[in-house]
Amino acid sequence: MFLPQPLLFAVLSVFGISATAKSSSSSSSARRNRYTSSSDFWLTAYAYEVSSTNWPKTPMSMEEYGIHNVATMWQNRPAHAHAAICINSRWNVKNYDNFSPAMTVAYFKKALFKKKIVLWDCLYIWGPGQQFYSFDDVKTDRMAWALDETKCSMDNVTMDVSCL
């Protein structure tokens, strides 16, 4: 049987509240004062939220995810942007006046017994004299970029971007 997530959440919440009401109707005073229906509601909501059935999975590899984000950024870029970059590593820029504030996007990774969120920083840079530096020996699985090749160049060894 398939239930949409909001309906499943409502069913679990009602079940948790009704179970509390039944347990509090007993004559034991120690049991009656231990829990309230609101605490069981939030406990049920928390248990549902952190369960593995609710964990989102990004439907592509990390490299494809970076490329997809950069392609979307490049289609919607401001007129003055010469490069769009997404990176999952430490980075720096030469001129702090010529880059957009970094947007953070999350890649959800779900293995058999392990869940992980990988954060990517995405930003625009523009010249003249702008340099984007990457650290930690980044490769293409942790960095994606789109350039206006008439104004910027990419160094594939150091994974740095220079805009004239």
N, C-alpha and C. Protein backbone atom coordinates (compact mmCIF):
# COMPACT_ATOMS: atom_id res chain seq x y z
N MET A 1 0.84 -1.17 0.00
CA MET A 1 0.00 0.00 0.00
C MET A 1 0.89 1.24 0.00
N PHE A 2 0.61 2.17 -0.87
CA PHE A 2 1.41 3.38 -1.00
C PHE A 2 0.64 4.56 -0.42
N LEU A 3 1.25 5.26 0.53
CA LEU A 3 0.66 6.47 1.11
C LEU A 3 1.58 7.64 0.83
N PRO A 4 1.04 8.76 0.38
CA PRO A 4 1.88 9.95 0.23
C PRO A 4 2.45 10.37 1.58
N GLN A 5 3.59 11.02 1.58
CA GLN A 5 4.28 11.37 2.82
C GLN A 5 3.43 12.20 3.78
N PRO A 6 2.70 13.25 3.33
CA PRO A 6 1.89 14.01 4.30
C PRO A 6 0.80 13.15 4.95
N LEU A 7 0.17 12.26 4.17
CA LEU A 7 -0.86 11.40 4.72
C LEU A 7 -0.26 10.41 5.70
N LEU A 8 0.89 9.84 5.37
CA LEU A 8 1.56 8.92 6.27
C LEU A 8 1.95 9.62 7.56
N PHE A 9 2.42 10.84 7.47
CA PHE A 9 2.78 11.62 8.66
C PHE A 9 1.55 11.85 9.53
N ALA A 10 0.41 12.19 8.92
CA ALA A 10 -0.82 12.42 9.67
C ALA A 10 -1.28 11.15 10.36
N VAL A 11 -1.22 10.02 9.67
CA VAL A 11 -1.63 8.74 10.25
C VAL A 11 -0.74 8.39 11.44
N LEU A 12 0.58 8.54 11.28
CA LEU A 12 1.49 8.25 12.38
C LEU A 12 1.26 9.18 13.56
N SER A 13 0.97 10.43 13.31
CA SER A 13 0.73 11.39 14.39
C SER A 13 -0.53 11.06 15.15
N VAL A 14 -1.61 10.74 14.43
CA VAL A 14 -2.86 10.37 15.09
C VAL A 14 -2.67 9.10 15.90
N PHE A 15 -1.95 8.13 15.34
CA PHE A 15 -1.68 6.89 16.07
C PHE A 15 -0.92 7.18 17.36
N GLY A 16 0.09 8.05 17.31
CA GLY A 16 0.87 8.40 18.50
C GLY A 16 0.02 9.09 19.55
N ILE A 17 -0.87 9.99 19.14
CA ILE A 17 -1.72 10.70 20.09
C ILE A 17 -2.74 9.76 20.70
N SER A 18 -3.34 8.88 19.89
CA SER A 18 -4.34 7.95 20.43
C SER A 18 -3.70 6.93 21.36
N ALA A 19 -2.48 6.51 21.08
CA ALA A 19 -1.79 5.58 21.97
C ALA A 19 -1.53 6.24 23.31
N THR A 20 -1.23 7.51 23.32
CA THR A 20 -1.01 8.23 24.57
C THR A 20 -2.31 8.37 25.35
N ALA A 21 -3.39 8.66 24.65
CA ALA A 21 -4.69 8.80 25.32
C ALA A 21 -5.10 7.49 25.97
N LYS A 22 -4.87 6.36 25.31
CA LYS A 22 -5.22 5.06 25.88
C LYS A 22 -4.36 4.76 27.09
N SER A 23 -3.06 5.06 27.01
CA SER A 23 -2.17 4.75 28.13
C SER A 23 -2.43 5.66 29.32
N SER A 24 -2.90 6.88 29.11
CA SER A 24 -3.15 7.78 30.23
C SER A 24 -4.48 7.51 30.90
N SER A 25 -5.35 6.70 30.32
CA SER A 25 -6.64 6.40 30.94
C SER A 25 -6.52 5.32 32.00
N SER A 26 -5.36 4.74 32.20
CA SER A 26 -5.19 3.74 33.25
C SER A 26 -5.18 4.41 34.61
N SER A 27 -5.31 3.64 35.66
CA SER A 27 -5.44 4.21 37.00
C SER A 27 -4.09 4.55 37.64
N SER A 28 -3.00 4.18 37.05
CA SER A 28 -1.69 4.44 37.64
C SER A 28 -1.34 5.91 37.51
N SER A 29 -1.08 6.57 38.63
CA SER A 29 -0.75 7.99 38.60
C SER A 29 0.67 8.22 38.09
N ALA A 30 1.56 7.26 38.31
CA ALA A 30 2.94 7.41 37.82
C ALA A 30 2.96 7.41 36.32
N ARG A 31 2.14 6.60 35.71
CA ARG A 31 2.10 6.52 34.27
C ARG A 31 1.37 7.71 33.67
N ARG A 32 0.38 8.23 34.35
CA ARG A 32 -0.44 9.30 33.82
C ARG A 32 0.36 10.59 33.64
N ASN A 33 1.31 10.87 34.50
CA ASN A 33 2.03 12.13 34.47
C ASN A 33 3.34 12.08 33.69
N ARG A 34 3.70 10.95 33.17
CA ARG A 34 4.99 10.85 32.49
C ARG A 34 5.02 11.53 31.14
N TYR A 35 4.03 11.36 30.33
CA TYR A 35 4.02 11.89 28.97
C TYR A 35 2.76 12.70 28.73
N THR A 36 2.87 13.62 27.78
CA THR A 36 1.68 14.32 27.32
C THR A 36 1.48 13.98 25.87
N SER A 37 0.30 14.26 25.37
CA SER A 37 0.03 13.93 23.97
C SER A 37 0.91 14.75 23.04
N SER A 38 1.23 15.98 23.43
CA SER A 38 2.07 16.80 22.56
C SER A 38 3.49 16.27 22.48
N SER A 39 4.02 15.72 23.59
CA SER A 39 5.37 15.18 23.53
C SER A 39 5.42 13.94 22.65
N ASP A 40 4.38 13.11 22.71
CA ASP A 40 4.33 11.94 21.83
C ASP A 40 4.16 12.36 20.37
N PHE A 41 3.42 13.43 20.14
CA PHE A 41 3.27 13.92 18.77
C PHE A 41 4.63 14.29 18.19
N TRP A 42 5.42 15.05 18.96
CA TRP A 42 6.71 15.48 18.45
C TRP A 42 7.70 14.33 18.37
N LEU A 43 7.61 13.37 19.28
CA LEU A 43 8.47 12.19 19.20
C LEU A 43 8.16 11.39 17.94
N THR A 44 6.87 11.23 17.63
CA THR A 44 6.48 10.52 16.42
C THR A 44 6.93 11.28 15.18
N ALA A 45 6.75 12.61 15.20
CA ALA A 45 7.18 13.42 14.06
C ALA A 45 8.69 13.32 13.86
N TYR A 46 9.46 13.35 14.96
CA TYR A 46 10.91 13.24 14.87
C TYR A 46 11.32 11.87 14.34
N ALA A 47 10.69 10.81 14.84
CA ALA A 47 11.02 9.46 14.39
C ALA A 47 10.74 9.30 12.90
N TYR A 48 9.65 9.90 12.43
CA TYR A 48 9.33 9.82 11.01
C TYR A 48 10.34 10.63 10.19
N GLU A 49 10.71 11.80 10.69
CA GLU A 49 11.58 12.70 9.94
C GLU A 49 12.97 12.11 9.75
N VAL A 50 13.51 11.43 10.74
CA VAL A 50 14.87 10.90 10.62
C VAL A 50 14.91 9.47 10.12
N SER A 51 13.75 8.91 9.79
CA SER A 51 13.75 7.54 9.30
C SER A 51 14.35 7.49 7.90
N SER A 52 14.83 6.33 7.52
CA SER A 52 15.50 6.19 6.22
C SER A 52 14.53 6.29 5.06
N THR A 53 13.23 6.09 5.29
CA THR A 53 12.28 6.19 4.19
C THR A 53 12.09 7.63 3.75
N ASN A 54 12.36 8.59 4.63
CA ASN A 54 12.16 9.99 4.31
C ASN A 54 13.44 10.67 3.81
N TRP A 55 14.55 9.97 3.80
CA TRP A 55 15.82 10.57 3.42
C TRP A 55 15.87 10.75 1.91
N PRO A 56 16.06 11.98 1.40
CA PRO A 56 16.10 12.17 -0.05
C PRO A 56 17.39 11.64 -0.64
N LYS A 57 17.32 11.18 -1.86
CA LYS A 57 18.51 10.70 -2.56
C LYS A 57 18.64 11.50 -3.84
N THR A 58 19.79 12.09 -4.05
CA THR A 58 20.02 12.83 -5.28
C THR A 58 20.18 11.82 -6.41
N PRO A 59 19.40 11.95 -7.48
CA PRO A 59 19.36 10.90 -8.51
C PRO A 59 20.49 10.98 -9.54
N MET A 60 21.67 11.40 -9.14
CA MET A 60 22.79 11.46 -10.07
C MET A 60 24.09 11.41 -9.27
N SER A 61 25.19 11.22 -9.98
CA SER A 61 26.49 11.19 -9.30
C SER A 61 26.87 12.61 -8.87
N MET A 62 27.88 12.70 -8.00
CA MET A 62 28.31 14.02 -7.53
C MET A 62 28.84 14.87 -8.68
N GLU A 63 29.54 14.26 -9.61
CA GLU A 63 30.06 15.00 -10.76
C GLU A 63 28.92 15.53 -11.62
N GLU A 64 27.92 14.69 -11.90
CA GLU A 64 26.77 15.13 -12.69
C GLU A 64 25.98 16.22 -11.96
N TYR A 65 25.90 16.11 -10.65
CA TYR A 65 25.20 17.10 -9.84
C TYR A 65 25.87 18.47 -9.96
N GLY A 66 27.19 18.51 -9.86
CA GLY A 66 27.91 19.76 -10.03
C GLY A 66 27.73 20.36 -11.41
N ILE A 67 27.81 19.51 -12.44
CA ILE A 67 27.64 19.98 -13.82
C ILE A 67 26.22 20.52 -14.03
N HIS A 68 25.23 19.82 -13.49
CA HIS A 68 23.83 20.26 -13.62
C HIS A 68 23.62 21.62 -12.94
N ASN A 69 24.18 21.80 -11.74
CA ASN A 69 24.03 23.08 -11.04
C ASN A 69 24.70 24.22 -11.80
N VAL A 70 25.89 23.97 -12.33
CA VAL A 70 26.59 25.02 -13.08
C VAL A 70 25.85 25.35 -14.37
N ALA A 71 25.31 24.35 -15.04
CA ALA A 71 24.54 24.60 -16.27
C ALA A 71 23.31 25.46 -15.97
N THR A 72 22.64 25.18 -14.88
CA THR A 72 21.48 25.98 -14.48
C THR A 72 21.91 27.41 -14.13
N MET A 73 23.01 27.54 -13.42
CA MET A 73 23.52 28.87 -13.09
C MET A 73 23.90 29.65 -14.34
N TRP A 74 24.54 28.96 -15.29
CA TRP A 74 25.02 29.63 -16.51
C TRP A 74 23.85 30.11 -17.35
N GLN A 75 22.76 29.35 -17.39
CA GLN A 75 21.57 29.79 -18.13
C GLN A 75 20.94 31.02 -17.49
N ASN A 76 21.05 31.16 -16.18
CA ASN A 76 20.41 32.26 -15.46
C ASN A 76 21.41 33.28 -14.92
N ARG A 77 22.57 33.37 -15.54
CA ARG A 77 23.64 34.22 -15.01
C ARG A 77 23.32 35.70 -15.21
N PRO A 78 23.87 36.53 -14.32
CA PRO A 78 23.78 37.98 -14.53
C PRO A 78 24.63 38.39 -15.73
N ALA A 79 24.36 39.53 -16.29
CA ALA A 79 25.06 39.97 -17.51
C ALA A 79 26.55 40.15 -17.29
N HIS A 80 26.97 40.54 -16.09
CA HIS A 80 28.39 40.81 -15.85
C HIS A 80 29.19 39.57 -15.45
N ALA A 81 28.57 38.43 -15.27
CA ALA A 81 29.28 37.22 -14.81
C ALA A 81 30.07 36.60 -15.96
N HIS A 82 31.33 36.32 -15.71
CA HIS A 82 32.19 35.69 -16.72
C HIS A 82 32.39 34.20 -16.48
N ALA A 83 32.11 33.74 -15.26
CA ALA A 83 32.26 32.31 -14.95
C ALA A 83 31.29 31.92 -13.84
N ALA A 84 30.81 30.69 -13.92
CA ALA A 84 29.99 30.09 -12.85
C ALA A 84 30.75 28.87 -12.35
N ILE A 85 30.88 28.76 -11.04
CA ILE A 85 31.68 27.68 -10.46
C ILE A 85 30.92 27.06 -9.29
N CYS A 86 30.92 25.73 -9.22
CA CYS A 86 30.43 25.00 -8.05
C CYS A 86 31.57 24.12 -7.57
N ILE A 87 31.82 24.12 -6.26
CA ILE A 87 32.96 23.38 -5.73
C ILE A 87 32.61 22.77 -4.38
N ASN A 88 33.10 21.57 -4.15
CA ASN A 88 32.96 20.88 -2.87
C ASN A 88 34.35 20.80 -2.24
N SER A 89 34.87 21.94 -1.85
CA SER A 89 36.21 22.01 -1.26
C SER A 89 36.43 23.44 -0.76
N ARG A 90 37.60 23.67 -0.20
CA ARG A 90 37.98 25.02 0.19
C ARG A 90 38.33 25.82 -1.06
N TRP A 91 38.07 27.12 -1.03
CA TRP A 91 38.37 27.97 -2.18
C TRP A 91 38.63 29.39 -1.69
N ASN A 92 39.16 30.21 -2.61
CA ASN A 92 39.43 31.61 -2.31
C ASN A 92 39.39 32.38 -3.62
N VAL A 93 39.24 33.69 -3.53
CA VAL A 93 39.28 34.55 -4.71
C VAL A 93 40.28 35.68 -4.46
N LYS A 94 40.80 36.22 -5.54
CA LYS A 94 41.79 37.30 -5.43
C LYS A 94 41.12 38.62 -5.07
N ASN A 95 40.03 38.95 -5.74
CA ASN A 95 39.36 40.23 -5.56
C ASN A 95 37.94 39.98 -5.03
N TYR A 96 37.71 40.34 -3.78
CA TYR A 96 36.42 40.06 -3.16
C TYR A 96 35.29 40.95 -3.67
N ASP A 97 35.60 41.96 -4.46
CA ASP A 97 34.56 42.81 -5.03
C ASP A 97 33.98 42.23 -6.31
N ASN A 98 34.65 41.25 -6.90
CA ASN A 98 34.23 40.72 -8.20
C ASN A 98 33.77 39.27 -8.13
N PHE A 99 32.99 38.94 -7.12
CA PHE A 99 32.36 37.63 -7.10
C PHE A 99 31.05 37.73 -6.33
N SER A 100 30.14 36.83 -6.66
CA SER A 100 28.85 36.82 -5.97
C SER A 100 29.00 36.07 -4.65
N PRO A 101 28.16 36.36 -3.68
CA PRO A 101 28.20 35.55 -2.46
C PRO A 101 27.92 34.09 -2.80
N ALA A 102 28.59 33.20 -2.11
CA ALA A 102 28.45 31.77 -2.41
C ALA A 102 27.07 31.27 -1.99
N MET A 103 26.46 30.49 -2.88
CA MET A 103 25.21 29.81 -2.57
C MET A 103 25.59 28.37 -2.21
N THR A 104 25.02 27.84 -1.16
CA THR A 104 25.32 26.48 -0.77
C THR A 104 24.19 25.57 -1.21
N VAL A 105 24.54 24.50 -1.91
CA VAL A 105 23.57 23.49 -2.33
C VAL A 105 23.98 22.16 -1.71
N ALA A 106 23.01 21.30 -1.48
CA ALA A 106 23.27 20.04 -0.77
C ALA A 106 23.06 18.85 -1.69
N TYR A 107 24.00 17.93 -1.63
CA TYR A 107 23.91 16.65 -2.33
C TYR A 107 23.66 15.58 -1.27
N PHE A 108 22.54 14.87 -1.38
CA PHE A 108 22.18 13.85 -0.40
C PHE A 108 22.67 12.50 -0.88
N LYS A 109 23.47 11.86 -0.06
CA LYS A 109 24.06 10.57 -0.39
C LYS A 109 23.50 9.53 0.59
N LYS A 110 22.96 8.44 0.06
CA LYS A 110 22.39 7.41 0.91
C LYS A 110 22.99 6.07 0.53
N ALA A 111 23.73 5.48 1.46
CA ALA A 111 24.28 4.14 1.26
C ALA A 111 23.44 3.18 2.10
N LEU A 112 23.91 1.95 2.23
CA LEU A 112 23.13 0.94 2.94
C LEU A 112 22.87 1.33 4.39
N PHE A 113 23.92 1.65 5.14
CA PHE A 113 23.75 2.01 6.54
C PHE A 113 24.24 3.41 6.85
N LYS A 114 24.53 4.21 5.85
CA LYS A 114 25.15 5.50 6.08
C LYS A 114 24.45 6.56 5.25
N LYS A 115 24.16 7.69 5.88
CA LYS A 115 23.57 8.83 5.19
C LYS A 115 24.55 9.99 5.30
N LYS A 116 24.67 10.76 4.24
CA LYS A 116 25.65 11.84 4.23
C LYS A 116 25.11 13.00 3.40
N ILE A 117 25.36 14.21 3.87
CA ILE A 117 25.03 15.41 3.12
C ILE A 117 26.34 16.05 2.69
N VAL A 118 26.51 16.25 1.39
CA VAL A 118 27.71 16.88 0.84
C VAL A 118 27.33 18.28 0.39
N LEU A 119 27.98 19.29 0.96
CA LEU A 119 27.66 20.68 0.64
C LEU A 119 28.58 21.21 -0.45
N TRP A 120 27.98 21.88 -1.42
CA TRP A 120 28.70 22.51 -2.53
C TRP A 120 28.51 24.02 -2.42
N ASP A 121 29.56 24.78 -2.69
CA ASP A 121 29.47 26.23 -2.81
C ASP A 121 29.41 26.57 -4.29
N CYS A 122 28.44 27.39 -4.67
CA CYS A 122 28.31 27.82 -6.06
C CYS A 122 28.36 29.35 -6.10
N LEU A 123 29.10 29.90 -7.07
CA LEU A 123 29.27 31.34 -7.14
C LEU A 123 29.57 31.77 -8.57
N TYR A 124 29.39 33.06 -8.82
CA TYR A 124 29.76 33.70 -10.08
C TYR A 124 30.99 34.55 -9.83
N ILE A 125 31.87 34.63 -10.83
CA ILE A 125 33.00 35.56 -10.76
C ILE A 125 33.05 36.36 -12.06
N TRP A 126 33.68 37.52 -11.99
CA TRP A 126 33.86 38.37 -13.17
C TRP A 126 35.16 39.14 -13.01
N GLY A 127 35.68 39.63 -14.11
CA GLY A 127 36.97 40.32 -14.13
C GLY A 127 36.79 41.81 -14.05
N PRO A 128 37.82 42.55 -14.30
CA PRO A 128 39.16 42.14 -14.74
C PRO A 128 40.05 41.79 -13.55
N GLY A 129 41.05 41.01 -13.82
CA GLY A 129 42.04 40.64 -12.82
C GLY A 129 41.54 39.71 -11.73
N GLN A 130 40.49 38.99 -11.98
CA GLN A 130 39.95 38.09 -10.96
C GLN A 130 40.57 36.71 -11.07
N GLN A 131 40.83 36.10 -9.94
CA GLN A 131 41.42 34.76 -9.88
C GLN A 131 40.62 33.95 -8.86
N PHE A 132 40.23 32.74 -9.24
CA PHE A 132 39.55 31.80 -8.33
C PHE A 132 40.53 30.69 -8.01
N TYR A 133 40.79 30.46 -6.72
CA TYR A 133 41.75 29.44 -6.30
C TYR A 133 41.00 28.28 -5.63
N SER A 134 41.35 27.06 -6.02
CA SER A 134 40.80 25.88 -5.35
C SER A 134 41.92 25.22 -4.56
N PHE A 135 41.54 24.54 -3.50
CA PHE A 135 42.51 23.88 -2.63
C PHE A 135 42.18 22.39 -2.52
N ASP A 136 42.97 21.67 -1.76
CA ASP A 136 42.73 20.25 -1.44
C ASP A 136 42.81 19.33 -2.65
N ASP A 137 43.58 19.68 -3.66
CA ASP A 137 43.76 18.81 -4.83
C ASP A 137 42.42 18.40 -5.45
N VAL A 138 41.61 19.39 -5.78
CA VAL A 138 40.27 19.16 -6.32
C VAL A 138 40.35 18.60 -7.73
N LYS A 139 39.47 17.68 -8.05
CA LYS A 139 39.33 17.13 -9.40
C LYS A 139 37.91 17.40 -9.89
N THR A 140 37.57 16.88 -11.06
CA THR A 140 36.28 17.19 -11.67
C THR A 140 35.09 16.59 -10.93
N ASP A 141 35.31 15.60 -10.05
CA ASP A 141 34.17 15.07 -9.30
C ASP A 141 33.75 15.99 -8.17
N ARG A 142 34.59 16.97 -7.81
CA ARG A 142 34.27 17.90 -6.73
C ARG A 142 34.24 19.36 -7.18
N MET A 143 34.36 19.60 -8.48
CA MET A 143 34.30 20.97 -8.99
C MET A 143 33.74 20.96 -10.40
N ALA A 144 32.85 21.92 -10.68
CA ALA A 144 32.29 22.08 -12.02
C ALA A 144 32.31 23.57 -12.34
N TRP A 145 32.42 23.91 -13.63
CA TRP A 145 32.54 25.31 -14.02
C TRP A 145 31.99 25.50 -15.42
N ALA A 146 31.60 26.74 -15.68
CA ALA A 146 31.22 27.19 -17.02
C ALA A 146 31.86 28.56 -17.20
N LEU A 147 32.50 28.77 -18.35
CA LEU A 147 33.28 30.00 -18.57
C LEU A 147 32.87 30.70 -19.85
N ASP A 148 33.00 32.01 -19.84
CA ASP A 148 33.02 32.78 -21.07
C ASP A 148 34.48 32.75 -21.51
N GLU A 149 34.80 31.90 -22.47
CA GLU A 149 36.20 31.62 -22.81
C GLU A 149 36.91 32.80 -23.46
N THR A 150 36.18 33.83 -23.85
CA THR A 150 36.83 35.04 -24.36
C THR A 150 37.38 35.90 -23.22
N LYS A 151 36.88 35.68 -21.99
CA LYS A 151 37.29 36.51 -20.86
C LYS A 151 37.95 35.74 -19.73
N CYS A 152 37.76 34.43 -19.67
CA CYS A 152 38.30 33.62 -18.57
C CYS A 152 38.97 32.37 -19.12
N SER A 153 39.88 31.83 -18.32
CA SER A 153 40.54 30.57 -18.69
C SER A 153 40.61 29.67 -17.46
N MET A 154 40.73 28.36 -17.73
CA MET A 154 40.77 27.36 -16.68
C MET A 154 42.11 26.65 -16.72
N ASP A 155 42.78 26.55 -15.59
CA ASP A 155 44.02 25.78 -15.48
C ASP A 155 43.64 24.39 -14.97
N ASN A 156 43.70 23.38 -15.84
CA ASN A 156 43.26 22.03 -15.49
C ASN A 156 44.20 21.31 -14.53
N VAL A 157 45.39 21.83 -14.30
CA VAL A 157 46.31 21.20 -13.36
C VAL A 157 45.99 21.65 -11.93
N THR A 158 45.90 22.97 -11.73
CA THR A 158 45.62 23.50 -10.39
C THR A 158 44.14 23.71 -10.13
N MET A 159 43.31 23.58 -11.16
CA MET A 159 41.86 23.80 -11.10
C MET A 159 41.54 25.23 -10.65
N ASP A 160 42.31 26.19 -11.16
CA ASP A 160 42.09 27.60 -10.87
C ASP A 160 41.51 28.28 -12.10
N VAL A 161 40.68 29.30 -11.88
CA VAL A 161 40.06 30.06 -12.97
C VAL A 161 40.61 31.48 -12.92
N SER A 162 41.03 31.99 -14.09
CA SER A 162 41.53 33.36 -14.20
C SER A 162 40.66 34.13 -15.18
N CYS A 163 40.22 35.31 -14.79
CA CYS A 163 39.44 36.18 -15.68
C CYS A 163 40.23 37.45 -15.94
N LEU A 164 40.31 37.83 -17.21
CA LEU A 164 41.07 39.02 -17.61
C LEU A 164 40.26 40.29 -17.43
